Amino acid sequence: MLLLTRSGFVRFLFAITMFAASFAADPESARAEVTAFKQAVAEAAALDRDIAEFYRETGYKPVWTGESWKDRQRRKALFAALDGASAHGLPAKRYDVDKLTNMLRTIRSPRDLGQAEVALSKAFVTYAHDVQTGIVTPGKVDGDIKRKVPLRDRKSYLSAFVQSSPTAFMRALPPQNPEYARLMKAKLQLEKQIAHGGWGAKVPGKKLQPGDSGAAVVALRNRLVAMGYLRRSATKTFDGTMGQAVQKFQAAHGLNTDGVAGGVTLQEINVGPEQRLQSVIVAMERERWTNMERGKRHVLVNLTDYTAKIMDNNKVTFQTRSVVGANTHDRRSPEFSDVMEHMVINPTWNVPRSIAVKEYLPMMKRNPNAAGHLKLINGRGQSVSRANIDFSQYNERNFPFDIKQPPSRSNALGLVKFMFPNKYNIYLHDTPAKNLFSRETRAYSHGCIRLQQPFDFAYALLAKQSSDPKGEFHKHLKTGRETKVDLVQNVPVHIIYRTAVTSPKGQVGFRRDVYGRDAKIWRALDAAGVELGSVRG
């Protein structure tokens, strides 16, 4: 490795050897040097509480700058990891390898050695944190990202490292799931594509369909070939093969697969590899935010993909379309993880306060009988008649009633809801508005996640605890009464937002940034020093 074979680094190794030799030749002088080294470590670490505490607890023994084989392996593993930081979409300049190398090259005294020791530890802890749990703080980027990042104690990185195989420890830091590995591969492929000129000219026009010919079709052909959706061809006509390639592209990008390159499809085809690379790097950062045990069985809701999936051992065992929160400031679905505990069959809709006072109260001021399917409930839990209520005297602050909708097929929650109690009042549920599921873009709800196939979703969940999940579900449904059914095994739920998605087979796919969150994250990563790279070869 280049950084470990520079002549300056050889001098560093020579300096360590000389310190060791001096210890053998002149123990008293060596003890003074050891004392000077420890004092330098203490001074250099003084402003970093975690690192200072680690060295106090270990008697200021060196981790990186000793002369032993283990020390050499640690240095080698650290510099190899820092050299590869950009492959993870990390800001390589943050770790300042050149400065570290220069410090090692210019060691002349035990004090220099102590300062280098602490500098290496700081670089190590920073890198370990970044590659394991991310660079930016989610909630500071967007308030609707409620994600709790599984941060590790900084001192624990050093404590665990000195007890581990250095190379194995470094390799275990990034997310170990297949998705992260596929994203890394996609990043490298996009960088190579950029280095070789990208995907060619953009496709002009507003719509191309089977039978069309001309320069625009040639541009479409070339672009599809460059992106890997079409084999090389000399055709100048939009033929069946090109139509199939368009369908493959549409499927990979969450579009209606009609095989026609209409406005939205052309818009997505014309997105450049640089922007796609940004999406991949953001997706890698998001993977680091969820670098934790997600559950052998868990529910995964990708807001940008408008899907809800049941995952068993990282494989999709059930999938359904979803409708997510509308793109307005008070309706966007948040991102977070929780645990599903039960389902409610024939649910009552307890109208959230914000909807009650912002939507229904103005309606009832205009017409007291508006939304007659909803019941008003007073503070004693009693249903009250609207006949004697003067709605004009109420506003968002003093409205004294709860609003509920009894169980029915027309209930806003449909016939079943899936509960993972959380302070955001978000859950998965059925809906009577089935028409929305046929749309390409499905951001219409008040924030909760509506499911196209809620009954099948319920059967899949109950299959783990019932020999007749369908019969069990419909037994409760037929009563028409609200019924809570506990899940014997709670199921983690992860609501994520990913515009770059991969699959075990096929190319990486992309989704539109419906809430603009990934654009914000990229700006934060860019500000932190992350760079778009290109690789030749």
Protein backbone atom coordinates (compact mmCIF):
# COMPACT_ATOMS: atom_id res chain seq x y z
CA MET A 1 0.00 0.00 0.00
CA LEU A 2 1.42 3.36 -1.09
CA LEU A 3 0.98 5.24 2.17
CA LEU A 4 2.77 2.52 4.10
CA THR A 5 5.81 2.32 1.85
CA ARG A 6 6.78 5.98 1.54
CA SER A 7 10.31 6.76 2.62
CA GLY A 8 8.96 8.99 5.36
CA PHE A 9 6.94 6.14 6.77
CA VAL A 10 10.05 3.99 6.73
CA ARG A 11 11.70 6.68 8.84
CA PHE A 12 8.73 6.48 11.20
CA LEU A 13 9.30 2.75 11.64
CA PHE A 14 13.00 3.46 12.13
CA ALA A 15 12.16 6.00 14.85
CA ILE A 16 10.06 3.44 16.70
CA THR A 17 12.87 0.92 16.43
CA MET A 18 15.31 3.46 17.82
CA PHE A 19 13.02 4.14 20.79
CA ALA A 20 12.83 0.42 21.45
CA ALA A 21 16.61 0.08 21.13
CA SER A 22 17.22 2.99 23.46
CA PHE A 23 15.00 1.33 26.04
CA ALA A 24 17.23 -1.73 25.98
CA ALA A 25 20.50 0.28 25.96
CA ASP A 26 19.55 2.94 28.48
CA PRO A 27 16.50 2.01 30.58
CA GLU A 28 16.53 5.29 32.51
CA SER A 29 16.54 7.37 29.34
CA ALA A 30 13.89 5.12 27.86
CA ARG A 31 11.65 5.59 30.89
CA ALA A 32 11.92 9.33 30.39
CA GLU A 33 10.93 8.90 26.77
CA VAL A 34 7.95 6.75 27.76
CA THR A 35 6.89 9.41 30.25
CA ALA A 36 7.21 12.10 27.58
CA PHE A 37 5.14 9.94 25.21
CA LYS A 38 2.38 9.48 27.80
CA GLN A 39 2.33 13.19 28.61
CA ALA A 40 2.07 14.03 24.92
CA VAL A 41 -0.82 11.58 24.51
CA ALA A 42 -2.61 13.05 27.54
CA GLU A 43 -2.17 16.61 26.26
CA ALA A 44 -3.21 15.80 22.66
CA ALA A 45 -6.31 13.91 23.84
CA ALA A 46 -7.32 16.38 26.54
CA LEU A 47 -10.03 18.11 24.48
CA ASP A 48 -11.61 14.82 23.36
CA ARG A 49 -13.24 13.30 26.43
CA ASP A 50 -13.83 9.83 24.96
CA ILE A 51 -10.33 9.37 23.59
CA ALA A 52 -8.76 10.85 26.74
CA GLU A 53 -10.75 8.41 28.88
CA PHE A 54 -9.69 5.46 26.74
CA TYR A 55 -6.00 6.26 27.11
CA ARG A 56 -6.33 6.87 30.86
CA GLU A 57 -7.98 3.47 31.27
CA THR A 58 -5.29 1.70 29.23
CA GLY A 59 -2.33 3.39 30.89
CA TYR A 60 -1.53 5.45 27.77
CA LYS A 61 -0.34 2.38 25.90
CA PRO A 62 0.03 2.97 22.17
CA VAL A 63 -2.55 1.56 19.78
CA TRP A 64 -0.90 2.62 16.53
CA THR A 65 2.66 3.73 17.14
CA GLY A 66 4.20 0.73 18.84
CA GLU A 67 6.77 -1.49 17.15
CA SER A 68 4.91 -4.79 17.53
CA TRP A 69 3.39 -6.84 14.70
CA LYS A 70 -0.10 -6.02 16.07
CA ASP A 71 0.63 -2.28 15.91
CA ARG A 72 1.76 -2.61 12.31
CA GLN A 73 -1.42 -4.50 11.44
CA ARG A 74 -3.54 -1.79 13.06
CA ARG A 75 -1.79 0.96 11.12
CA LYS A 76 -2.14 -1.00 7.90
CA ALA A 77 -5.85 -1.64 8.48
CA LEU A 78 -6.53 2.00 9.34
CA PHE A 79 -4.78 3.46 6.31
CA ALA A 80 -6.40 0.88 4.03
CA ALA A 81 -9.82 1.89 5.39
CA LEU A 82 -9.13 5.61 5.03
CA ASP A 83 -7.88 5.06 1.48
CA GLY A 84 -11.18 3.35 0.67
CA ALA A 85 -13.43 5.94 2.33
CA SER A 86 -14.62 7.44 -0.95
CA ALA A 87 -15.90 4.01 -2.07
CA HIS A 88 -18.45 4.33 0.73
CA GLY A 89 -19.46 7.83 -0.34
CA LEU A 90 -17.61 9.35 2.62
CA PRO A 91 -15.73 12.69 2.64
CA ALA A 92 -12.16 11.41 2.30
CA LYS A 93 -10.65 14.83 3.06
CA ARG A 94 -12.23 14.73 6.52
CA TYR A 95 -9.69 12.12 7.61
CA ASP A 96 -6.73 14.08 6.19
CA VAL A 97 -4.52 11.12 5.33
CA ASP A 98 -1.79 13.42 4.01
CA LYS A 99 -1.55 15.19 7.38
CA LEU A 100 -1.40 11.87 9.22
CA THR A 101 1.30 10.59 6.89
CA ASN A 102 3.30 13.79 7.31
CA MET A 103 3.10 13.52 11.10
CA LEU A 104 4.51 10.01 10.92
CA ARG A 105 7.18 11.05 8.44
CA THR A 106 8.48 13.86 10.64
CA ILE A 107 8.63 12.11 14.04
CA ARG A 108 11.72 13.23 15.90
CA SER A 109 10.81 12.79 19.55
CA PRO A 110 8.53 10.92 21.98
CA ARG A 111 6.34 14.01 21.99
CA ASP A 112 5.90 13.81 18.22
CA LEU A 113 5.09 10.13 18.60
CA GLY A 114 2.41 10.82 21.23
CA GLN A 115 0.77 13.48 19.11
CA ALA A 116 0.73 11.14 16.11
CA GLU A 117 -0.79 8.41 18.28
CA VAL A 118 -3.77 10.59 19.23
CA ALA A 119 -4.20 11.95 15.70
CA LEU A 120 -4.52 8.39 14.39
CA SER A 121 -7.07 7.55 17.08
CA LYS A 122 -9.16 10.61 16.23
CA ALA A 123 -9.13 9.73 12.54
CA PHE A 124 -10.07 6.15 13.37
CA VAL A 125 -13.00 7.09 15.61
CA THR A 126 -14.30 9.63 13.09
CA TYR A 127 -14.11 7.14 10.23
CA ALA A 128 -15.68 4.34 12.30
CA HIS A 129 -18.63 6.56 13.23
CA ASP A 130 -19.10 7.80 9.68
CA VAL A 131 -18.97 4.45 7.92
CA GLN A 132 -21.10 2.67 10.50
CA THR A 133 -23.88 5.17 11.32
CA GLY A 134 -23.54 8.02 8.83
CA ILE A 135 -22.21 11.50 8.38
CA VAL A 136 -25.21 13.76 8.89
CA THR A 137 -27.90 13.91 11.57
CA PRO A 138 -31.24 12.98 9.94
CA GLY A 139 -33.52 15.29 11.93
CA LYS A 140 -31.33 18.31 11.20
CA VAL A 141 -31.71 17.74 7.47
CA ASP A 142 -35.51 17.40 7.49
CA GLY A 143 -37.83 17.52 10.49
CA ASP A 144 -39.97 14.68 9.12
CA ILE A 145 -37.03 12.26 9.24
CA LYS A 146 -37.67 10.92 12.74
CA ARG A 147 -35.04 8.22 12.34
CA LYS A 148 -33.15 7.29 15.51
CA VAL A 149 -29.66 6.40 14.36
CA PRO A 150 -28.10 3.49 16.32
CA LEU A 151 -25.03 5.47 17.38
CA ARG A 152 -22.20 3.65 19.14
CA ASP A 153 -20.15 5.00 22.02
CA ARG A 154 -17.01 6.58 20.56
CA LYS A 155 -14.70 5.12 23.18
CA SER A 156 -16.09 1.66 22.52
CA TYR A 157 -14.67 1.78 19.00
CA LEU A 158 -11.14 1.91 20.38
CA SER A 159 -11.82 -0.57 23.17
CA ALA A 160 -13.27 -3.13 20.76
CA PHE A 161 -10.65 -2.50 18.10
CA VAL A 162 -7.66 -3.32 20.31
CA GLN A 163 -9.31 -6.65 21.19
CA SER A 164 -10.08 -7.57 17.56
CA SER A 165 -8.46 -8.54 14.32
CA PRO A 166 -7.77 -5.07 12.82
CA THR A 167 -8.76 -5.93 9.25
CA ALA A 168 -11.87 -7.90 10.28
CA PHE A 169 -12.97 -5.06 12.57
CA MET A 170 -12.71 -2.48 9.79
CA ARG A 171 -14.60 -4.71 7.36
CA ALA A 172 -17.43 -5.20 9.86
CA LEU A 173 -18.06 -1.48 10.39
CA PRO A 174 -20.22 -0.68 7.30
CA PRO A 175 -23.73 -2.14 6.96
CA GLN A 176 -23.39 -5.85 6.22
CA ASN A 177 -26.70 -6.31 4.40
CA PRO A 178 -26.83 -7.21 0.67
CA GLU A 179 -28.48 -3.89 -0.21
CA TYR A 180 -25.46 -1.87 0.90
CA ALA A 181 -23.10 -4.10 -1.09
CA ARG A 182 -25.26 -3.70 -4.20
CA LEU A 183 -25.33 0.08 -3.73
CA MET A 184 -21.53 0.14 -3.53
CA LYS A 185 -21.38 -1.80 -6.78
CA ALA A 186 -23.88 0.59 -8.41
CA LYS A 187 -21.79 3.54 -7.26
CA LEU A 188 -18.68 2.13 -8.91
CA GLN A 189 -20.54 1.40 -12.14
CA LEU A 190 -21.98 4.92 -12.32
CA GLU A 191 -18.55 6.43 -11.67
CA LYS A 192 -17.13 4.41 -14.56
CA GLN A 193 -20.04 5.51 -16.76
CA ILE A 194 -19.40 9.17 -15.92
CA ALA A 195 -15.69 8.77 -16.66
CA HIS A 196 -16.56 7.42 -20.10
CA GLY A 197 -18.89 10.26 -21.01
CA GLY A 198 -22.18 9.32 -19.38
CA TRP A 199 -25.22 8.09 -21.29
CA GLY A 200 -24.97 10.30 -24.32
CA ALA A 201 -27.26 13.02 -25.63
CA LYS A 202 -30.64 13.61 -24.03
CA VAL A 203 -33.74 12.49 -25.90
CA PRO A 204 -35.69 15.40 -27.43
CA GLY A 205 -39.44 15.59 -27.81
CA LYS A 206 -42.47 14.94 -25.60
CA LYS A 207 -43.55 11.45 -26.65
CA LEU A 208 -42.13 8.51 -28.59
CA GLN A 209 -44.09 5.35 -29.29
CA PRO A 210 -43.99 2.20 -31.47
CA GLY A 211 -43.80 3.07 -35.16
CA ASP A 212 -42.00 6.39 -34.67
CA SER A 213 -38.65 6.99 -36.39
CA GLY A 214 -36.05 9.70 -36.75
CA ALA A 215 -33.33 11.43 -34.75
CA ALA A 216 -35.25 11.36 -31.46
CA VAL A 217 -35.73 7.60 -31.71
CA VAL A 218 -32.00 7.19 -32.40
CA ALA A 219 -31.22 9.27 -29.31
CA LEU A 220 -33.62 7.11 -27.29
CA ARG A 221 -32.01 3.95 -28.66
CA ASN A 222 -28.51 5.16 -27.78
CA ARG A 223 -29.54 6.19 -24.30
CA LEU A 224 -31.23 2.85 -23.57
CA VAL A 225 -28.15 1.00 -24.85
CA ALA A 226 -25.82 3.08 -22.68
CA MET A 227 -27.98 2.45 -19.62
CA GLY A 228 -28.05 -1.29 -20.25
CA TYR A 229 -31.72 -1.74 -21.15
CA LEU A 230 -31.19 -2.45 -24.85
CA ARG A 231 -28.63 -4.44 -26.81
CA ARG A 232 -26.62 -2.56 -29.39
CA SER A 233 -28.70 -1.96 -32.50
CA ALA A 234 -28.67 0.11 -35.69
CA THR A 235 -32.46 0.53 -35.83
CA LYS A 236 -33.87 4.01 -36.38
CA THR A 237 -37.43 2.90 -35.75
CA PHE A 238 -39.25 2.48 -32.44
CA ASP A 239 -39.85 -1.26 -32.82
CA GLY A 240 -41.05 -3.97 -30.46
CA THR A 241 -37.60 -4.58 -29.04
CA MET A 242 -37.25 -0.91 -28.14
CA GLY A 243 -40.72 -0.98 -26.61
CA GLN A 244 -39.64 -3.86 -24.38
CA ALA A 245 -36.53 -1.92 -23.37
CA VAL A 246 -38.70 1.07 -22.44
CA GLN A 247 -40.87 -1.22 -20.33
CA LYS A 248 -37.80 -2.56 -18.52
CA PHE A 249 -36.72 1.01 -17.82
CA GLN A 250 -40.20 1.92 -16.59
CA ALA A 251 -40.36 -1.08 -14.28
CA ALA A 252 -36.96 -0.21 -12.80
CA HIS A 253 -38.09 3.37 -12.18
CA GLY A 254 -41.53 2.77 -10.70
CA LEU A 255 -43.41 3.99 -13.78
CA ASN A 256 -46.45 2.54 -15.55
CA THR A 257 -45.06 -0.10 -17.90
CA ASP A 258 -46.95 0.81 -21.07
CA GLY A 259 -43.86 0.72 -23.30
CA VAL A 260 -44.49 4.28 -24.50
CA ALA A 261 -41.84 6.93 -23.86
CA GLY A 262 -44.21 9.66 -22.73
CA GLY A 263 -43.43 12.86 -20.87
CA VAL A 264 -42.66 11.37 -17.44
CA THR A 265 -40.72 8.43 -18.90
CA LEU A 266 -38.60 10.72 -21.09
CA GLN A 267 -38.00 13.01 -18.14
CA GLU A 268 -36.62 10.07 -16.15
CA ILE A 269 -34.62 8.72 -19.11
CA ASN A 270 -32.97 12.13 -19.46
CA VAL A 271 -31.79 12.23 -15.85
CA GLY A 272 -27.99 12.07 -16.01
CA PRO A 273 -25.70 9.57 -14.29
CA GLU A 274 -24.36 12.30 -11.99
CA GLN A 275 -27.79 12.80 -10.44
CA ARG A 276 -28.30 9.05 -10.21
CA LEU A 277 -24.94 8.77 -8.47
CA GLN A 278 -26.10 11.33 -5.92
CA SER A 279 -29.17 9.17 -5.25
CA VAL A 280 -26.99 6.10 -4.70
CA ILE A 281 -24.67 7.93 -2.31
CA VAL A 282 -27.67 9.26 -0.38
CA ALA A 283 -29.10 5.73 -0.24
CA MET A 284 -25.82 4.48 1.23
CA GLU A 285 -25.98 7.18 3.90
CA ARG A 286 -29.55 6.16 4.67
CA GLU A 287 -28.45 2.52 4.97
CA ARG A 288 -25.90 3.60 7.57
CA TRP A 289 -28.68 5.32 9.55
CA THR A 290 -30.42 1.94 9.82
CA ASN A 291 -27.29 -0.14 10.45
CA MET A 292 -28.96 -2.32 13.05
CA GLU A 293 -30.79 -5.61 13.38
CA ARG A 294 -34.06 -5.04 11.51
CA GLY A 295 -35.74 -8.31 12.42
CA LYS A 296 -35.76 -11.66 10.64
CA ARG A 297 -39.36 -10.78 9.78
CA HIS A 298 -40.16 -7.11 9.34
CA VAL A 299 -42.39 -4.75 7.40
CA LEU A 300 -40.64 -2.38 5.00
CA VAL A 301 -42.49 0.64 3.64
CA ASN A 302 -40.60 2.66 1.02
CA LEU A 303 -42.42 5.98 0.70
CA THR A 304 -40.95 6.85 -2.72
CA ASP A 305 -41.79 3.41 -4.10
CA TYR A 306 -45.39 3.44 -2.82
CA THR A 307 -45.05 -0.14 -1.59
CA ALA A 308 -45.33 -2.07 1.65
CA LYS A 309 -43.48 -5.37 1.92
CA ILE A 310 -43.18 -8.18 4.41
CA MET A 311 -39.56 -9.28 4.55
CA ASP A 312 -38.50 -12.69 5.83
CA ASN A 313 -34.74 -13.22 6.11
CA ASN A 314 -34.14 -10.32 3.71
CA LYS A 315 -36.48 -11.77 1.08
CA VAL A 316 -39.80 -10.25 0.01
CA THR A 317 -42.58 -12.69 0.94
CA PHE A 318 -45.49 -10.29 0.44
CA GLN A 319 -45.84 -6.97 -1.36
CA THR A 320 -48.69 -4.57 -1.96
CA ARG A 321 -49.11 -1.09 -3.37
CA SER A 322 -49.55 1.77 -0.94
CA VAL A 323 -50.73 5.36 -0.76
CA VAL A 324 -48.58 7.70 1.35
CA GLY A 325 -48.88 11.22 2.73
CA ALA A 326 -49.52 14.09 0.36
CA ASN A 327 -46.64 16.46 -0.36
CA THR A 328 -47.80 19.30 1.91
CA HIS A 329 -46.10 20.52 5.07
CA ASP A 330 -48.54 18.83 7.46
CA ARG A 331 -49.30 15.60 5.56
CA ARG A 332 -45.96 14.12 4.51
CA SER A 333 -45.38 10.66 5.97
CA PRO A 334 -42.49 10.66 8.47
CA GLU A 335 -39.61 8.17 8.47
CA PHE A 336 -39.08 6.07 11.56
CA SER A 337 -39.01 2.52 12.90
CA ASP A 338 -41.32 0.94 15.45
CA VAL A 339 -42.91 -2.40 16.28
CA MET A 340 -46.30 -3.66 15.08
CA GLU A 341 -48.17 -5.13 18.05
CA HIS A 342 -51.72 -5.78 16.83
CA MET A 343 -54.34 -5.22 14.17
CA VAL A 344 -57.83 -3.83 14.61
CA ILE A 345 -60.59 -5.39 12.52
CA ASN A 346 -63.66 -3.20 11.89
CA PRO A 347 -61.86 -0.16 13.31
CA THR A 348 -63.38 3.05 14.55
CA TRP A 349 -61.75 6.10 13.01
CA ASN A 350 -60.72 8.48 15.74
CA VAL A 351 -60.25 11.59 13.65
CA PRO A 352 -56.90 13.23 14.50
CA ARG A 353 -57.27 16.61 16.17
CA SER A 354 -55.50 18.40 13.34
CA ILE A 355 -57.94 17.02 10.76
CA ALA A 356 -60.95 17.64 13.01
CA VAL A 357 -60.26 21.34 13.51
CA LYS A 358 -58.65 22.18 10.18
CA GLU A 359 -60.95 20.28 7.84
CA TYR A 360 -64.22 19.26 9.51
CA LEU A 361 -64.82 22.24 11.81
CA PRO A 362 -64.85 24.75 8.90
CA MET A 363 -67.29 22.45 7.06
CA MET A 364 -69.62 22.27 10.08
CA LYS A 365 -69.48 26.03 10.50
CA ARG A 366 -70.89 26.34 6.99
CA ASN A 367 -73.33 23.46 7.42
CA PRO A 368 -73.87 21.85 10.84
CA ASN A 369 -74.93 18.59 9.15
CA ALA A 370 -71.83 18.32 6.96
CA ALA A 371 -69.96 15.01 7.16
CA GLY A 372 -73.00 13.43 8.78
CA HIS A 373 -71.28 10.02 8.89
CA LEU A 374 -69.08 11.31 11.70
CA LYS A 375 -70.08 11.41 15.36
CA LEU A 376 -69.26 14.14 17.86
CA ILE A 377 -68.09 12.88 21.26
CA ASN A 378 -68.01 15.09 24.36
CA GLY A 379 -65.53 15.01 27.21
CA ARG A 380 -67.55 12.31 28.99
CA GLY A 381 -67.34 10.00 26.00
CA GLN A 382 -70.97 10.55 25.03
CA SER A 383 -72.27 11.02 21.50
CA VAL A 384 -73.92 14.45 21.15
CA SER A 385 -76.41 15.81 18.65
CA ARG A 386 -75.36 18.61 16.35
CA ALA A 387 -78.82 20.20 16.48
CA ASN A 388 -78.09 22.44 19.45
CA ILE A 389 -74.43 23.22 18.74
CA ASP A 390 -73.36 26.65 17.53
CA PHE A 391 -70.20 25.77 15.64
CA SER A 392 -69.42 29.44 14.95
CA GLN A 393 -68.23 29.91 18.55
CA TYR A 394 -65.43 27.38 18.13
CA ASN A 395 -61.97 27.59 16.65
CA GLU A 396 -58.91 25.32 16.40
CA ARG A 397 -58.03 25.98 20.06
CA ASN A 398 -61.37 25.67 21.87
CA PHE A 399 -63.24 23.01 19.85
CA PRO A 400 -64.39 20.69 22.69
CA PHE A 401 -65.38 17.55 20.81
CA ASP A 402 -63.68 14.42 19.52
CA ILE A 403 -64.84 13.20 16.12
CA LYS A 404 -65.26 9.50 15.39
CA GLN A 405 -66.46 7.36 12.51
CA PRO A 406 -68.02 4.01 13.53
CA PRO A 407 -66.92 0.76 11.85
CA SER A 408 -68.29 0.31 8.34
CA ARG A 409 -67.17 -0.40 4.79
CA SER A 410 -67.15 3.35 4.15
CA ASN A 411 -64.95 4.03 7.19
CA ALA A 412 -61.90 6.12 6.26
CA LEU A 413 -59.70 3.33 7.64
CA GLY A 414 -61.55 0.65 5.72
CA LEU A 415 -62.05 -2.66 7.51
CA VAL A 416 -58.67 -3.18 9.17
CA LYS A 417 -55.75 -1.18 10.54
CA PHE A 418 -52.32 -2.34 11.62
CA MET A 419 -50.95 -0.72 14.75
CA PHE A 420 -47.40 0.05 15.83
CA PRO A 421 -48.19 2.65 18.52
CA ASN A 422 -46.13 5.80 18.00
CA LYS A 423 -46.30 9.48 18.86
CA TYR A 424 -46.72 10.43 15.21
CA ASN A 425 -50.11 8.65 15.01
CA ILE A 426 -49.00 6.78 11.88
CA TYR A 427 -50.21 3.30 11.01
CA LEU A 428 -51.06 1.07 8.04
CA HIS A 429 -54.69 0.60 7.07
CA ASP A 430 -57.34 -0.31 4.51
CA THR A 431 -59.23 2.41 2.62
CA PRO A 432 -62.50 2.71 0.69
CA ALA A 433 -60.70 4.93 -1.88
CA LYS A 434 -59.49 2.03 -4.03
CA ASN A 435 -59.14 4.13 -7.19
CA LEU A 436 -55.93 5.79 -5.98
CA PHE A 437 -53.92 2.57 -6.18
CA SER A 438 -54.03 2.53 -9.98
CA ARG A 439 -52.17 5.84 -10.17
CA GLU A 440 -48.46 6.07 -10.85
CA THR A 441 -47.86 8.64 -8.12
CA ARG A 442 -49.70 7.84 -4.90
CA ALA A 443 -49.09 10.62 -2.36
CA TYR A 444 -52.60 11.54 -1.18
CA SER A 445 -53.11 10.56 2.47
CA HIS A 446 -52.87 12.61 5.67
CA GLY A 447 -49.66 10.74 6.54
CA CYS A 448 -50.76 7.18 7.29
CA ILE A 449 -49.99 4.35 4.87
CA ARG A 450 -52.97 2.93 2.96
CA LEU A 451 -52.68 -0.60 1.60
CA GLN A 452 -54.17 -1.92 -1.63
CA GLN A 453 -54.39 -5.50 -0.33
CA PRO A 454 -54.93 -5.13 3.42
CA PHE A 455 -56.72 -8.48 3.85
CA ASP A 456 -53.87 -10.41 2.22
CA PHE A 457 -51.44 -8.42 4.35
CA ALA A 458 -53.40 -9.51 7.45
CA TYR A 459 -53.43 -13.15 6.34
CA ALA A 460 -49.64 -13.07 5.89
CA LEU A 461 -49.18 -11.68 9.40
CA LEU A 462 -51.62 -14.13 11.00
CA ALA A 463 -50.09 -17.11 9.17
CA LYS A 464 -47.33 -17.15 11.80
CA GLN A 465 -49.85 -17.78 14.59
CA SER A 466 -52.88 -19.46 13.02
CA SER A 467 -53.42 -22.60 10.98
CA ASP A 468 -56.30 -20.83 9.23
CA PRO A 469 -55.31 -17.15 9.00
CA LYS A 470 -58.00 -16.27 6.47
CA GLY A 471 -60.73 -17.95 8.51
CA GLU A 472 -59.44 -16.31 11.69
CA PHE A 473 -59.57 -12.87 10.08
CA HIS A 474 -63.04 -13.23 8.59
CA LYS A 475 -64.47 -14.68 11.80
CA HIS A 476 -63.83 -11.31 13.43
CA LEU A 477 -64.74 -9.31 10.33
CA LYS A 478 -68.23 -10.86 10.10
CA THR A 479 -69.20 -9.59 13.55
CA GLY A 480 -69.02 -5.98 12.38
CA ARG A 481 -67.66 -5.12 15.82
CA GLU A 482 -64.32 -3.50 16.47
CA THR A 483 -61.93 -6.29 17.43
CA LYS A 484 -58.30 -6.10 18.48
CA VAL A 485 -56.14 -9.06 17.40
CA ASP A 486 -52.71 -9.20 19.01
CA LEU A 487 -49.70 -10.45 17.10
CA VAL A 488 -48.10 -13.26 19.09
CA GLN A 489 -44.76 -12.18 17.67
CA ASN A 490 -44.40 -8.42 17.27
CA VAL A 491 -43.12 -7.34 13.87
CA PRO A 492 -40.68 -4.43 13.40
CA VAL A 493 -41.88 -1.79 10.95
CA HIS A 494 -39.41 0.40 9.07
CA ILE A 495 -40.77 3.36 7.13
CA ILE A 496 -37.96 4.41 4.81
CA TYR A 497 -37.44 6.80 1.92
CA ARG A 498 -35.19 5.50 -0.81
CA THR A 499 -34.88 6.93 -4.32
CA ALA A 500 -32.20 4.38 -5.29
CA VAL A 501 -33.30 0.77 -4.91
CA THR A 502 -31.62 -2.50 -5.79
CA SER A 503 -32.67 -6.11 -6.20
CA PRO A 504 -30.70 -9.35 -6.11
CA LYS A 505 -31.23 -9.65 -9.86
CA GLY A 506 -31.23 -6.78 -12.32
CA GLN A 507 -30.07 -3.20 -12.38
CA VAL A 508 -30.39 -0.56 -9.73
CA GLY A 509 -33.70 1.29 -10.02
CA PHE A 510 -34.61 4.85 -9.14
CA ARG A 511 -37.67 6.65 -7.79
CA ARG A 512 -38.64 10.30 -7.81
CA ASP A 513 -37.78 12.44 -4.79
CA VAL A 514 -41.44 13.07 -3.97
CA TYR A 515 -40.81 15.10 -0.79
CA GLY A 516 -37.46 16.58 -1.83
CA ARG A 517 -35.74 14.94 1.13
CA ASP A 518 -32.92 13.29 -0.79
CA ALA A 519 -32.01 16.62 -2.36
CA LYS A 520 -31.62 18.05 1.16
CA ILE A 521 -29.50 15.12 2.26
CA TRP A 522 -27.24 15.44 -0.76
CA ARG A 523 -26.70 19.14 0.00
CA ALA A 524 -25.73 18.19 3.56
CA LEU A 525 -23.34 15.50 2.32
CA ASP A 526 -21.87 17.89 -0.22
CA ALA A 527 -21.33 20.48 2.54
CA ALA A 528 -19.58 17.78 4.61
CA GLY A 529 -17.13 17.17 1.78
CA VAL A 530 -18.58 14.21 -0.10
CA GLU A 531 -17.58 14.34 -3.75
CA LEU A 532 -18.92 12.76 -6.91
CA GLY A 533 -16.13 10.60 -8.25
CA SER A 534 -15.40 9.03 -11.59
CA VAL A 535 -13.40 5.90 -12.25
CA ARG A 536 -11.59 5.04 -15.45
CA GLY A 537 -11.03 1.48 -16.46
